Amino acid sequence: MAKKKENFSMFKRLKDKFGSVGPKVYDLIDGVTTIDQIMKETGVTEKRLMKILKFLEEQGFIKLGPPEDKAVEKVIREDLSSLEKLIKDKFGSAGLKVYNLIDGVKPAEEIMKETRVTEKRLVEILNSLEEHGLIKFDYPEKKSKESKSSKNPDYYFNLGSELFEKGDYKKAIEGFSKSIQLKDDYADAYFNRALCYSRLKNFDMSILDYSKAAELDPNNPSIYHNRGAIYYLKDKFQEAIKDYNRAIELDPGYMKAYYNRGLSYAYIEEYEKAIKDFNKVIKLKPDFVDAKKQLEVTKAKMKKQLAKRRKLGKHR
């Protein structure tokens, strides 16, 4: 997870002389943790602990408090660097403990367990350590995952889908584009990228992607419906109607396709066909309020149209 930028020769000497318990004892030395606490956390006997502490004192790494001091059982480190002091000032002994446990191998879960800090607090400490150049993050598992996923089109498709849900359509397009680069016949990626383009009002690119998706997945009614909706927005009503026809042909119960085809028919004043479509929608979904409104509006328009035609007929 993170690697400390320091020399581990002292830790090596401790391990060589006292085994794995030596470095564990040293890691717990922070000027606050008592000898009793160190024994409890490491499981070492008092006699063994004193040998380790005397060795550390002889090497100049620590200084034991005087016997008459109430804090006699505290172990005081002398070798705090300016950065370690900064850590201790900012995060207390917990920060120092975290720093001392970083060895490039120990996982975050183990550090939290040994120091009893929360995940949120650990992240704060680690970020601060990185900002001050005391550690650098290393993500072997993440890199391994990314390495495996870098050639997986589904990874980028899922990434694009997540970004789409968040409303970041430009970034989503990048994800779907990468997916298509890795798998040029990925119909769903073309479909979703078309959705992104339509949200960004880049209708020409949207139509191109829907067309490619239709080529790859010709029996998907949603592709034709959505492309029809884009044609409608571009005032290309005949093209829109053709796509709605195909969507309905593939899915006779496609309520939205009937509704939108009805709107297209109404726009080009083919009111009878529009009324037929709105009635079909209401049959499929009786509580569709907009369809009922459009039906009444269209009937009124057709009535006016017929009256106008009769009037023109009389003048002839």
Protein backbone atom coordinates (compact mmCIF):
# COMPACT_ATOMS: atom_id res chain seq x y z
CA MET A 1 0.00 0.00 0.00
CA ALA A 2 2.80 2.43 0.87
CA LYS A 3 6.57 2.41 1.08
CA LYS A 4 8.57 4.37 3.65
CA LYS A 5 11.54 6.30 2.35
CA GLU A 6 14.13 5.30 4.98
CA ASN A 7 16.95 2.86 5.83
CA PHE A 8 15.78 -0.35 7.49
CA SER A 9 19.23 -1.42 8.78
CA MET A 10 18.16 -0.79 12.39
CA PHE A 11 15.10 -2.99 11.95
CA LYS A 12 17.28 -5.68 10.41
CA ARG A 13 19.63 -5.61 13.42
CA LEU A 14 16.69 -5.89 15.79
CA LYS A 15 15.21 -8.78 13.87
CA ASP A 16 18.54 -10.59 13.63
CA LYS A 17 19.11 -10.24 17.38
CA PHE A 18 15.62 -10.66 18.82
CA GLY A 19 13.52 -12.09 16.02
CA SER A 20 10.28 -10.52 14.77
CA VAL A 21 9.39 -9.26 18.26
CA GLY A 22 12.31 -6.79 18.21
CA PRO A 23 10.93 -4.56 15.42
CA LYS A 24 7.43 -4.90 16.94
CA VAL A 25 8.67 -3.50 20.23
CA TYR A 26 10.44 -0.63 18.52
CA ASP A 27 7.33 0.17 16.47
CA LEU A 28 5.34 0.63 19.67
CA ILE A 29 7.81 3.09 21.19
CA ASP A 30 6.28 6.54 20.95
CA GLY A 31 6.90 8.20 24.32
CA VAL A 32 3.37 7.36 25.44
CA THR A 33 2.93 3.59 25.35
CA THR A 34 3.99 2.03 28.63
CA ILE A 35 6.14 -1.04 29.17
CA ASP A 36 3.08 -2.93 30.39
CA GLN A 37 1.22 -2.05 27.22
CA ILE A 38 4.16 -3.09 25.06
CA MET A 39 4.33 -6.46 26.83
CA LYS A 40 0.60 -6.93 26.40
CA GLU A 41 0.60 -6.09 22.70
CA THR A 42 3.73 -8.06 21.78
CA GLY A 43 3.35 -10.96 24.22
CA VAL A 44 7.01 -10.58 25.24
CA THR A 45 8.13 -11.15 28.85
CA GLU A 46 9.40 -8.27 30.97
CA LYS A 47 12.90 -9.76 31.07
CA ARG A 48 13.02 -10.09 27.27
CA LEU A 49 11.58 -6.64 26.81
CA MET A 50 14.22 -5.05 29.03
CA LYS A 51 16.96 -6.71 26.98
CA ILE A 52 15.48 -5.22 23.81
CA LEU A 53 15.11 -1.78 25.40
CA LYS A 54 18.65 -1.79 26.77
CA PHE A 55 19.95 -2.75 23.35
CA LEU A 56 18.02 0.11 21.76
CA GLU A 57 19.31 2.52 24.42
CA GLU A 58 22.89 1.36 23.88
CA GLN A 59 22.46 1.95 20.15
CA GLY A 60 21.20 5.47 20.86
CA PHE A 61 17.72 4.87 19.53
CA ILE A 62 15.83 5.42 22.77
CA LYS A 63 16.20 6.87 26.22
CA LEU A 64 14.48 5.28 29.20
CA GLY A 65 12.84 7.57 31.75
CA PRO A 66 14.27 7.80 35.30
CA PRO A 67 13.03 5.23 37.85
CA GLU A 68 11.60 7.91 40.16
CA ASP A 69 9.49 9.39 37.39
CA LYS A 70 5.81 8.46 37.51
CA ALA A 71 6.12 7.86 33.82
CA VAL A 72 9.09 5.61 34.45
CA GLU A 73 7.54 2.91 32.30
CA LYS A 74 7.33 5.21 29.30
CA VAL A 75 9.89 4.78 26.61
CA ILE A 76 11.10 8.01 25.05
CA ARG A 77 12.54 8.06 21.57
CA GLU A 78 15.39 10.44 20.89
CA ASP A 79 15.72 9.86 17.17
CA LEU A 80 12.55 11.65 16.00
CA SER A 81 13.21 13.42 12.73
CA SER A 82 11.58 16.76 11.98
CA LEU A 83 9.01 14.97 9.87
CA GLU A 84 8.29 12.44 12.62
CA LYS A 85 7.82 15.33 15.05
CA LEU A 86 5.46 16.92 12.56
CA ILE A 87 3.51 13.67 12.36
CA LYS A 88 3.31 13.40 16.12
CA ASP A 89 2.29 17.05 16.51
CA LYS A 90 -0.42 16.68 13.90
CA PHE A 91 -1.74 13.17 14.60
CA GLY A 92 -0.35 12.29 18.01
CA SER A 93 1.20 8.96 18.90
CA ALA A 94 -1.24 7.17 16.55
CA GLY A 95 0.32 8.91 13.57
CA LEU A 96 3.79 7.91 14.68
CA LYS A 97 2.67 4.34 15.20
CA VAL A 98 1.21 4.25 11.71
CA TYR A 99 4.44 5.62 10.25
CA ASN A 100 6.57 3.08 12.09
CA LEU A 101 4.41 0.21 10.83
CA ILE A 102 4.77 1.16 7.17
CA ASP A 103 7.16 -1.24 5.53
CA GLY A 104 5.84 -1.60 1.99
CA VAL A 105 4.30 -4.98 2.83
CA LYS A 106 1.92 -4.57 5.75
CA PRO A 107 -1.68 -4.01 4.53
CA ALA A 108 -3.90 -1.20 5.79
CA GLU A 109 -6.17 -3.64 7.64
CA GLU A 110 -3.24 -4.87 9.72
CA ILE A 111 -2.08 -1.33 10.51
CA MET A 112 -5.60 -0.40 11.64
CA LYS A 113 -5.74 -3.49 13.83
CA GLU A 114 -2.36 -2.82 15.46
CA THR A 115 -2.85 0.92 15.95
CA ARG A 116 -6.63 0.86 16.57
CA VAL A 117 -7.13 3.85 14.25
CA THR A 118 -10.22 4.06 12.05
CA GLU A 119 -10.00 3.74 8.29
CA LYS A 120 -10.87 7.43 7.88
CA ARG A 121 -8.13 8.46 10.31
CA LEU A 122 -5.60 6.17 8.64
CA VAL A 123 -6.34 7.70 5.24
CA GLU A 124 -5.82 11.19 6.70
CA ILE A 125 -2.46 10.17 8.18
CA LEU A 126 -1.28 8.43 5.00
CA ASN A 127 -2.27 11.39 2.81
CA SER A 128 -0.35 13.74 5.08
CA LEU A 129 2.71 11.47 5.00
CA GLU A 130 2.59 11.40 1.23
CA GLU A 131 2.18 15.18 0.98
CA HIS A 132 5.34 15.64 3.07
CA GLY A 133 7.28 13.18 0.94
CA LEU A 134 7.72 10.71 3.78
CA ILE A 135 6.03 7.85 1.97
CA LYS A 136 4.91 7.08 -1.53
CA PHE A 137 1.85 5.06 -2.35
CA ASP A 138 2.23 1.82 -4.20
CA TYR A 139 -0.86 -0.01 -5.44
CA PRO A 140 0.26 -3.42 -6.65
CA GLU A 141 -3.22 -4.93 -6.47
CA LYS A 142 -4.82 -2.00 -8.28
CA LYS A 143 -2.13 -1.97 -10.94
CA SER A 144 -2.55 -5.70 -11.41
CA LYS A 145 -6.28 -5.23 -11.77
CA GLU A 146 -5.87 -2.38 -14.22
CA SER A 147 -3.32 -4.39 -16.17
CA LYS A 148 -5.80 -7.23 -16.53
CA SER A 149 -8.68 -4.90 -17.33
CA SER A 150 -6.74 -2.71 -19.79
CA LYS A 151 -7.60 -5.15 -22.58
CA ASN A 152 -11.09 -5.98 -21.35
CA PRO A 153 -13.80 -4.10 -23.31
CA ASP A 154 -16.38 -4.89 -20.60
CA TYR A 155 -14.29 -3.01 -18.04
CA TYR A 156 -14.49 0.21 -20.08
CA PHE A 157 -18.13 -0.43 -20.95
CA ASN A 158 -19.00 -0.67 -17.25
CA LEU A 159 -16.89 2.40 -16.52
CA GLY A 160 -18.73 4.33 -19.24
CA SER A 161 -22.08 3.15 -17.85
CA GLU A 162 -21.17 4.37 -14.34
CA LEU A 163 -20.13 7.76 -15.70
CA PHE A 164 -23.33 7.97 -17.73
CA GLU A 165 -25.39 7.38 -14.58
CA LYS A 166 -23.48 10.22 -12.92
CA GLY A 167 -24.29 12.53 -15.83
CA ASP A 168 -20.67 12.83 -16.99
CA TYR A 169 -21.46 12.14 -20.63
CA LYS A 170 -18.16 13.32 -22.08
CA LYS A 171 -16.15 11.00 -19.85
CA ALA A 172 -18.67 8.23 -20.48
CA ILE A 173 -18.05 8.59 -24.22
CA GLU A 174 -14.35 8.04 -23.57
CA GLY A 175 -15.14 4.80 -21.75
CA PHE A 176 -17.43 3.49 -24.48
CA SER A 177 -14.96 4.56 -27.18
CA LYS A 178 -12.18 2.60 -25.47
CA SER A 179 -14.50 -0.38 -25.25
CA ILE A 180 -15.21 -0.11 -29.00
CA GLN A 181 -11.49 0.16 -29.77
CA LEU A 182 -10.98 -3.17 -28.05
CA LYS A 183 -14.10 -4.77 -29.53
CA ASP A 184 -15.32 -3.08 -32.71
CA ASP A 185 -18.52 -5.15 -32.87
CA TYR A 186 -19.71 -4.18 -29.38
CA ALA A 187 -23.30 -3.17 -30.22
CA ASP A 188 -24.21 -2.14 -26.66
CA ALA A 189 -21.21 0.19 -26.51
CA TYR A 190 -22.32 1.93 -29.72
CA PHE A 191 -25.85 2.14 -28.33
CA ASN A 192 -24.75 3.68 -25.04
CA ARG A 193 -22.35 6.06 -26.72
CA ALA A 194 -25.22 7.18 -28.94
CA LEU A 195 -27.22 7.92 -25.78
CA CYS A 196 -24.36 10.09 -24.52
CA TYR A 197 -24.15 12.01 -27.78
CA SER A 198 -27.90 12.62 -27.72
CA ARG A 199 -27.68 14.00 -24.16
CA LEU A 200 -24.96 16.36 -25.39
CA LYS A 201 -27.23 17.29 -28.34
CA ASN A 202 -24.67 15.97 -30.83
CA PHE A 203 -27.43 14.37 -32.87
CA ASP A 204 -25.39 13.55 -35.98
CA MET A 205 -22.90 11.47 -33.98
CA SER A 206 -25.79 9.87 -32.13
CA ILE A 207 -27.41 8.77 -35.38
CA LEU A 208 -24.11 7.34 -36.62
CA ASP A 209 -23.72 5.24 -33.49
CA TYR A 210 -27.32 4.04 -33.51
CA SER A 211 -26.89 3.08 -37.16
CA LYS A 212 -23.77 1.06 -36.34
CA ALA A 213 -25.58 -0.57 -33.42
CA ALA A 214 -28.49 -1.48 -35.75
CA GLU A 215 -26.02 -3.01 -38.19
CA LEU A 216 -24.55 -5.17 -35.43
CA ASP A 217 -27.84 -5.94 -33.63
CA PRO A 218 -30.58 -5.61 -36.28
CA ASN A 219 -33.32 -7.17 -34.16
CA ASN A 220 -33.11 -4.76 -31.24
CA PRO A 221 -36.24 -2.53 -31.32
CA SER A 222 -34.76 -0.01 -28.85
CA ILE A 223 -32.09 1.00 -31.35
CA TYR A 224 -34.67 1.94 -34.00
CA HIS A 225 -36.90 3.67 -31.48
CA ASN A 226 -34.04 5.80 -30.14
CA ARG A 227 -32.72 6.66 -33.57
CA GLY A 228 -36.27 7.60 -34.56
CA ALA A 229 -36.42 9.97 -31.60
CA ILE A 230 -33.24 11.69 -32.80
CA TYR A 231 -34.65 12.03 -36.32
CA TYR A 232 -37.76 13.59 -34.78
CA LEU A 233 -35.62 16.15 -32.94
CA LYS A 234 -33.94 16.99 -36.24
CA ASP A 235 -37.38 17.49 -37.86
CA LYS A 236 -36.83 14.48 -40.10
CA PHE A 237 -40.26 13.05 -39.48
CA GLN A 238 -40.41 10.54 -42.33
CA GLU A 239 -37.12 8.96 -41.24
CA ALA A 240 -38.41 8.92 -37.67
CA ILE A 241 -41.62 7.17 -38.72
CA LYS A 242 -39.64 4.51 -40.63
CA ASP A 243 -37.61 3.74 -37.51
CA TYR A 244 -40.71 3.61 -35.32
CA ASN A 245 -42.30 1.25 -37.84
CA ARG A 246 -39.31 -1.08 -37.57
CA ALA A 247 -39.35 -0.94 -33.76
CA ILE A 248 -43.07 -1.84 -33.72
CA GLU A 249 -42.50 -4.59 -36.26
CA LEU A 250 -39.91 -6.14 -33.93
CA ASP A 251 -41.98 -5.49 -30.78
CA PRO A 252 -45.74 -5.06 -31.44
CA GLY A 253 -46.27 -4.00 -27.84
CA TYR A 254 -43.71 -1.19 -27.89
CA MET A 255 -45.88 1.53 -26.36
CA LYS A 256 -43.31 4.35 -26.62
CA ALA A 257 -42.80 3.66 -30.31
CA TYR A 258 -46.55 4.04 -30.96
CA TYR A 259 -46.66 7.24 -28.95
CA ASN A 260 -43.68 8.86 -30.65
CA ARG A 261 -44.86 7.74 -34.09
CA GLY A 262 -48.18 9.36 -33.26
CA LEU A 263 -46.37 12.63 -32.49
CA SER A 264 -44.53 12.40 -35.81
CA TYR A 265 -47.74 11.77 -37.73
CA ALA A 266 -49.40 14.67 -35.96
CA TYR A 267 -46.53 16.99 -36.86
CA ILE A 268 -46.90 16.25 -40.58
CA GLU A 269 -50.70 16.57 -40.20
CA GLU A 270 -51.51 12.92 -40.78
CA TYR A 271 -54.00 13.13 -37.97
CA GLU A 272 -55.92 9.92 -38.60
CA LYS A 273 -52.76 7.86 -38.27
CA ALA A 274 -51.74 9.85 -35.21
CA ILE A 275 -55.13 9.24 -33.56
CA LYS A 276 -54.85 5.54 -34.30
CA ASP A 277 -51.42 5.43 -32.61
CA PHE A 278 -52.58 7.39 -29.54
CA ASN A 279 -55.55 5.05 -29.15
CA LYS A 280 -53.18 2.09 -29.31
CA VAL A 281 -51.03 3.66 -26.59
CA ILE A 282 -54.05 4.18 -24.32
CA LYS A 283 -55.08 0.58 -24.90
CA LEU A 284 -51.59 -0.59 -23.89
CA LYS A 285 -51.38 1.85 -20.98
CA PRO A 286 -54.76 3.24 -19.90
CA ASP A 287 -53.24 5.65 -17.35
CA PHE A 288 -50.92 7.36 -19.86
CA VAL A 289 -52.11 10.95 -19.35
CA ASP A 290 -49.96 12.52 -22.08
CA ALA A 291 -51.35 10.13 -24.68
CA LYS A 292 -54.89 11.11 -23.72
CA LYS A 293 -54.01 14.80 -24.00
CA GLN A 294 -52.36 14.31 -27.38
CA LEU A 295 -55.38 12.35 -28.57
CA GLU A 296 -57.74 15.23 -27.72
CA VAL A 297 -55.40 17.84 -29.23
CA THR A 298 -55.01 15.80 -32.40
CA LYS A 299 -58.76 15.26 -32.72
CA ALA A 300 -59.28 19.02 -32.43
CA LYS A 301 -56.65 19.68 -35.09
CA MET A 302 -58.20 17.12 -37.42
CA LYS A 303 -61.60 18.73 -36.91
CA LYS A 304 -60.16 22.11 -37.90
CA GLN A 305 -58.41 20.53 -40.85
CA LEU A 306 -61.65 18.97 -42.09
CA ALA A 307 -63.54 22.24 -41.62
CA LYS A 308 -60.87 24.06 -43.61
CA ARG A 309 -61.10 21.52 -46.41
CA ARG A 310 -64.89 21.83 -46.54
CA LYS A 311 -64.57 25.58 -46.68
CA LEU A 312 -62.10 25.39 -49.52
CA GLY A 313 -64.38 22.93 -51.32
CA LYS A 314 -67.30 25.35 -51.19
CA HIS A 315 -65.22 28.12 -52.78
CA ARG A 316 -64.42 25.86 -55.68
